[in-house]
Amino acid sequence: MTYVDLFCGAGGFSLGFDRAGLKNIFSLDRESNFCETYKANFPHHNLIQKDIRELSRENIIKLIPTQKVDVVIGGPPCQGFSMAGNIGRRFIEDERNQLFREFARIISIIKPKYFIMENVARLFTHNKGQTQREIIELFNNLESSLK
């Protein structure tokens, strides 16, 4: 089985999936320090250092031209949802809160068998539960397009 790791950070998800016997097709993160650590941890992985918003359909097709991706994994940044990161900010003011949409966009292009999105617990209660409902609706709509 194969996987793609979005918002890979230092590679916690990748480590688990590698140990479970899956093959990495590519990983993506934009933060240079995270990427340096990821490269040290996974020197044979195809790491793309780029903002996910700049990853086009064409880029993705070039990265996986003949391979079927079984799983897309990732944890979009959660600072805007977390208790620690939400001091003095509102949901609308933190652009990172919209990156789950980019995660969904990539899934719609790759069309994996499965996807796993990780985030902080407060995501479920954020904005009186509206954020959770919006994400679930987005993924439910995505599910019908993947069939």
C-alpha atoms as a PDB file:
ATOM      1  CA  MET A   1       0.000   0.000   0.000  1.00  0.00           C
ATOM      2  CA  THR A   2       1.064   3.602  -0.604  1.00  0.00           C
ATOM      3  CA  TYR A   3       0.542   6.927   1.130  1.00  0.00           C
ATOM      4  CA  VAL A   4       0.969  10.680   0.784  1.00  0.00           C
ATOM      5  CA  ASP A   5       1.701  12.780   3.892  1.00  0.00           C
ATOM      6  CA  LEU A   6       0.436  16.387   3.812  1.00  0.00           C
ATOM      7  CA  PHE A   7       1.571  18.904   6.454  1.00  0.00           C
ATOM      8  CA  CYS A   8       4.160  16.242   7.291  1.00  0.00           C
ATOM      9  CA  GLY A   9       6.132  18.229   9.867  1.00  0.00           C
ATOM     10  CA  ALA A  10       8.965  16.127  11.283  1.00  0.00           C
ATOM     11  CA  GLY A  11       7.256  12.931  10.120  1.00  0.00           C
ATOM     12  CA  GLY A  12       5.287  11.413  12.980  1.00  0.00           C
ATOM     13  CA  PHE A  13       2.565  10.102  10.679  1.00  0.00           C
ATOM     14  CA  SER A  14       5.130   8.929   8.118  1.00  0.00           C
ATOM     15  CA  LEU A  15       7.005   6.973  10.774  1.00  0.00           C
ATOM     16  CA  GLY A  16       3.882   5.073  11.742  1.00  0.00           C
ATOM     17  CA  PHE A  17       2.882   4.357   8.163  1.00  0.00           C
ATOM     18  CA  ASP A  18       6.409   3.269   7.197  1.00  0.00           C
ATOM     19  CA  ARG A  19       6.531   0.933  10.195  1.00  0.00           C
ATOM     20  CA  ALA A  20       3.166  -0.489   9.139  1.00  0.00           C
ATOM     21  CA  GLY A  21       4.754  -1.362   5.781  1.00  0.00           C
ATOM     22  CA  LEU A  22       3.265   1.341   3.545  1.00  0.00           C
ATOM     23  CA  LYS A  23       5.348   3.064   0.864  1.00  0.00           C
ATOM     24  CA  ASN A  24       5.615   6.848   0.800  1.00  0.00           C
ATOM     25  CA  ILE A  25       4.936   8.465  -2.564  1.00  0.00           C
ATOM     26  CA  PHE A  26       5.538  12.036  -1.428  1.00  0.00           C
ATOM     27  CA  SER A  27       5.332  14.244   1.629  1.00  0.00           C
ATOM     28  CA  LEU A  28       4.699  17.960   1.804  1.00  0.00           C
ATOM     29  CA  ASP A  29       5.339  20.788   4.234  1.00  0.00           C
ATOM     30  CA  ARG A  30       6.260  24.424   3.800  1.00  0.00           C
ATOM     31  CA  GLU A  31       8.199  25.071   7.011  1.00  0.00           C
ATOM     32  CA  SER A  32      11.942  24.842   6.341  1.00  0.00           C
ATOM     33  CA  ASN A  33      12.884  23.676   9.856  1.00  0.00           C
ATOM     34  CA  PHE A  34      10.288  20.911   9.725  1.00  0.00           C
ATOM     35  CA  CYS A  35      11.544  19.887   6.279  1.00  0.00           C
ATOM     36  CA  GLU A  36      15.154  19.689   7.453  1.00  0.00           C
ATOM     37  CA  THR A  37      14.100  17.383  10.280  1.00  0.00           C
ATOM     38  CA  TYR A  38      11.924  15.325   7.934  1.00  0.00           C
ATOM     39  CA  LYS A  39      14.821  14.910   5.487  1.00  0.00           C
ATOM     40  CA  ALA A  40      17.045  13.695   8.324  1.00  0.00           C
ATOM     41  CA  ASN A  41      14.377  11.250   9.483  1.00  0.00           C
ATOM     42  CA  PHE A  42      13.371  10.031   6.001  1.00  0.00           C
ATOM     43  CA  PRO A  43      16.242  10.580   3.561  1.00  0.00           C
ATOM     44  CA  HIS A  44      14.682   8.324   0.897  1.00  0.00           C
ATOM     45  CA  HIS A  45      11.235   9.950   0.854  1.00  0.00           C
ATOM     46  CA  ASN A  46      10.191  12.410  -1.830  1.00  0.00           C
ATOM     47  CA  LEU A  47       9.759  15.570   0.268  1.00  0.00           C
ATOM     48  CA  ILE A  48       8.222  18.623  -1.354  1.00  0.00           C
ATOM     49  CA  GLN A  49       8.871  21.895   0.458  1.00  0.00           C
ATOM     50  CA  LYS A  50       5.992  24.031  -0.708  1.00  0.00           C
ATOM     51  CA  ASP A  51       2.875  25.766   0.539  1.00  0.00           C
ATOM     52  CA  ILE A  52      -0.012  23.367  -0.094  1.00  0.00           C
ATOM     53  CA  ARG A  53      -1.949  26.234  -1.687  1.00  0.00           C
ATOM     54  CA  GLU A  54       0.697  26.310  -4.429  1.00  0.00           C
ATOM     55  CA  LEU A  55       0.493  22.577  -5.164  1.00  0.00           C
ATOM     56  CA  SER A  56      -1.428  22.386  -8.418  1.00  0.00           C
ATOM     57  CA  ARG A  57      -3.294  19.486 -10.002  1.00  0.00           C
ATOM     58  CA  GLU A  58      -0.500  19.299 -12.571  1.00  0.00           C
ATOM     59  CA  ASN A  59       2.153  19.102  -9.829  1.00  0.00           C
ATOM     60  CA  ILE A  60       0.291  16.234  -8.193  1.00  0.00           C
ATOM     61  CA  ILE A  61      -0.183  14.318 -11.427  1.00  0.00           C
ATOM     62  CA  LYS A  62       3.572  14.561 -12.061  1.00  0.00           C
ATOM     63  CA  LEU A  63       4.267  13.250  -8.549  1.00  0.00           C
ATOM     64  CA  ILE A  64       1.969  10.231  -8.914  1.00  0.00           C
ATOM     65  CA  PRO A  65       1.726   9.581 -12.666  1.00  0.00           C
ATOM     66  CA  THR A  66       1.270   5.814 -12.586  1.00  0.00           C
ATOM     67  CA  GLN A  67       0.825   5.048  -8.909  1.00  0.00           C
ATOM     68  CA  LYS A  68      -2.433   4.566  -7.063  1.00  0.00           C
ATOM     69  CA  VAL A  69      -2.428   6.239  -3.672  1.00  0.00           C
ATOM     70  CA  ASP A  70      -4.083   4.161  -0.992  1.00  0.00           C
ATOM     71  CA  VAL A  71      -4.036   6.683   1.866  1.00  0.00           C
ATOM     72  CA  VAL A  72      -3.617  10.443   2.257  1.00  0.00           C
ATOM     73  CA  ILE A  73      -2.657  11.468   5.786  1.00  0.00           C
ATOM     74  CA  GLY A  74      -2.063  14.826   7.392  1.00  0.00           C
ATOM     75  CA  GLY A  75      -2.657  17.295  10.140  1.00  0.00           C
ATOM     76  CA  PRO A  76      -3.483  20.772   8.859  1.00  0.00           C
ATOM     77  CA  PRO A  77      -2.123  23.453  11.199  1.00  0.00           C
ATOM     78  CA  CYS A  78      -4.214  23.724  14.339  1.00  0.00           C
ATOM     79  CA  GLN A  79      -2.925  26.833  16.101  1.00  0.00           C
ATOM     80  CA  GLY A  80      -6.082  28.753  15.297  1.00  0.00           C
ATOM     81  CA  PHE A  81      -8.235  26.063  16.900  1.00  0.00           C
ATOM     82  CA  SER A  82      -6.127  25.216  19.929  1.00  0.00           C
ATOM     83  CA  MET A  83      -6.550  26.824  23.326  1.00  0.00           C
ATOM     84  CA  ALA A  84      -2.894  27.857  23.363  1.00  0.00           C
ATOM     85  CA  GLY A  85      -2.929  29.371  19.896  1.00  0.00           C
ATOM     86  CA  ASN A  86      -6.255  31.129  20.067  1.00  0.00           C
ATOM     87  CA  ILE A  87      -5.372  33.857  22.540  1.00  0.00           C
ATOM     88  CA  GLY A  88      -6.508  37.200  21.164  1.00  0.00           C
ATOM     89  CA  ARG A  89      -7.533  35.854  17.746  1.00  0.00           C
ATOM     90  CA  ARG A  90     -10.796  34.898  16.183  1.00  0.00           C
ATOM     91  CA  PHE A  91     -11.428  32.088  13.695  1.00  0.00           C
ATOM     92  CA  ILE A  92     -11.809  34.414  10.721  1.00  0.00           C
ATOM     93  CA  GLU A  93      -8.514  36.150  11.436  1.00  0.00           C
ATOM     94  CA  ASP A  94      -6.318  33.038  11.238  1.00  0.00           C
ATOM     95  CA  GLU A  95      -5.817  31.870   7.653  1.00  0.00           C
ATOM     96  CA  ARG A  96      -4.423  28.531   8.868  1.00  0.00           C
ATOM     97  CA  ASN A  97      -7.963  27.602   9.894  1.00  0.00           C
ATOM     98  CA  GLN A  98      -8.855  27.235   6.224  1.00  0.00           C
ATOM     99  CA  LEU A  99      -6.088  24.785   5.342  1.00  0.00           C
ATOM    100  CA  PHE A 100      -8.393  21.803   5.920  1.00  0.00           C
ATOM    101  CA  ARG A 101      -9.989  22.898   2.633  1.00  0.00           C
ATOM    102  CA  GLU A 102      -6.631  22.432   0.900  1.00  0.00           C
ATOM    103  CA  PHE A 103      -6.356  18.978   2.439  1.00  0.00           C
ATOM    104  CA  ALA A 104      -9.767  18.160   0.932  1.00  0.00           C
ATOM    105  CA  ARG A 105      -8.749  19.643  -2.431  1.00  0.00           C
ATOM    106  CA  ILE A 106      -5.727  17.358  -2.620  1.00  0.00           C
ATOM    107  CA  ILE A 107      -7.883  14.358  -1.718  1.00  0.00           C
ATOM    108  CA  SER A 108     -10.277  15.260  -4.529  1.00  0.00           C
ATOM    109  CA  ILE A 109      -7.356  15.179  -6.981  1.00  0.00           C
ATOM    110  CA  ILE A 110      -5.573  12.056  -5.697  1.00  0.00           C
ATOM    111  CA  LYS A 111      -8.738  10.060  -4.954  1.00  0.00           C
ATOM    112  CA  PRO A 112      -7.214   7.703  -2.372  1.00  0.00           C
ATOM    113  CA  LYS A 113      -9.033   4.712  -0.905  1.00  0.00           C
ATOM    114  CA  TYR A 114      -8.728   6.292   2.565  1.00  0.00           C
ATOM    115  CA  PHE A 115      -7.712   9.529   4.215  1.00  0.00           C
ATOM    116  CA  ILE A 116      -6.884  10.465   7.786  1.00  0.00           C
ATOM    117  CA  MET A 117      -6.942  14.057   8.976  1.00  0.00           C
ATOM    118  CA  GLU A 118      -5.671  14.755  12.487  1.00  0.00           C
ATOM    119  CA  ASN A 119      -6.314  17.917  14.493  1.00  0.00           C
ATOM    120  CA  VAL A 120      -6.789  19.215  18.026  1.00  0.00           C
ATOM    121  CA  ALA A 121      -9.807  18.279  20.160  1.00  0.00           C
ATOM    122  CA  ARG A 122     -11.004  21.883  20.337  1.00  0.00           C
ATOM    123  CA  LEU A 123     -11.764  21.771  16.620  1.00  0.00           C
ATOM    124  CA  PHE A 124     -15.040  20.028  17.525  1.00  0.00           C
ATOM    125  CA  THR A 125     -16.260  22.839  19.760  1.00  0.00           C
ATOM    126  CA  HIS A 126     -14.720  25.745  17.875  1.00  0.00           C
ATOM    127  CA  ASN A 127     -17.191  28.390  16.731  1.00  0.00           C
ATOM    128  CA  LYS A 128     -19.957  26.619  18.679  1.00  0.00           C
ATOM    129  CA  GLY A 129     -19.469  23.461  16.633  1.00  0.00           C
ATOM    130  CA  GLN A 130     -19.881  25.219  13.283  1.00  0.00           C
ATOM    131  CA  THR A 131     -16.297  24.440  12.233  1.00  0.00           C
ATOM    132  CA  GLN A 132     -16.814  20.733  12.899  1.00  0.00           C
ATOM    133  CA  ARG A 133     -20.079  20.710  10.936  1.00  0.00           C
ATOM    134  CA  GLU A 134     -18.435  22.524   8.021  1.00  0.00           C
ATOM    135  CA  ILE A 135     -15.556  20.042   7.851  1.00  0.00           C
ATOM    136  CA  ILE A 136     -17.873  17.029   8.060  1.00  0.00           C
ATOM    137  CA  GLU A 137     -20.071  18.457   5.307  1.00  0.00           C
ATOM    138  CA  LEU A 138     -17.013  19.097   3.129  1.00  0.00           C
ATOM    139  CA  PHE A 139     -15.800  15.518   3.570  1.00  0.00           C
ATOM    140  CA  ASN A 140     -19.278  14.056   3.050  1.00  0.00           C
ATOM    141  CA  ASN A 141     -19.542  15.937  -0.244  1.00  0.00           C
ATOM    142  CA  LEU A 142     -16.037  14.801  -1.136  1.00  0.00           C
ATOM    143  CA  GLU A 143     -16.941  11.177  -0.430  1.00  0.00           C
ATOM    144  CA  SER A 144     -19.653  11.172  -3.081  1.00  0.00           C
ATOM    145  CA  SER A 145     -17.232  12.552  -5.688  1.00  0.00           C
ATOM    146  CA  LEU A 146     -14.625   9.846  -4.945  1.00  0.00           C
ATOM    147  CA  LYS A 147     -16.945   6.939  -5.772  1.00  0.00           C
END
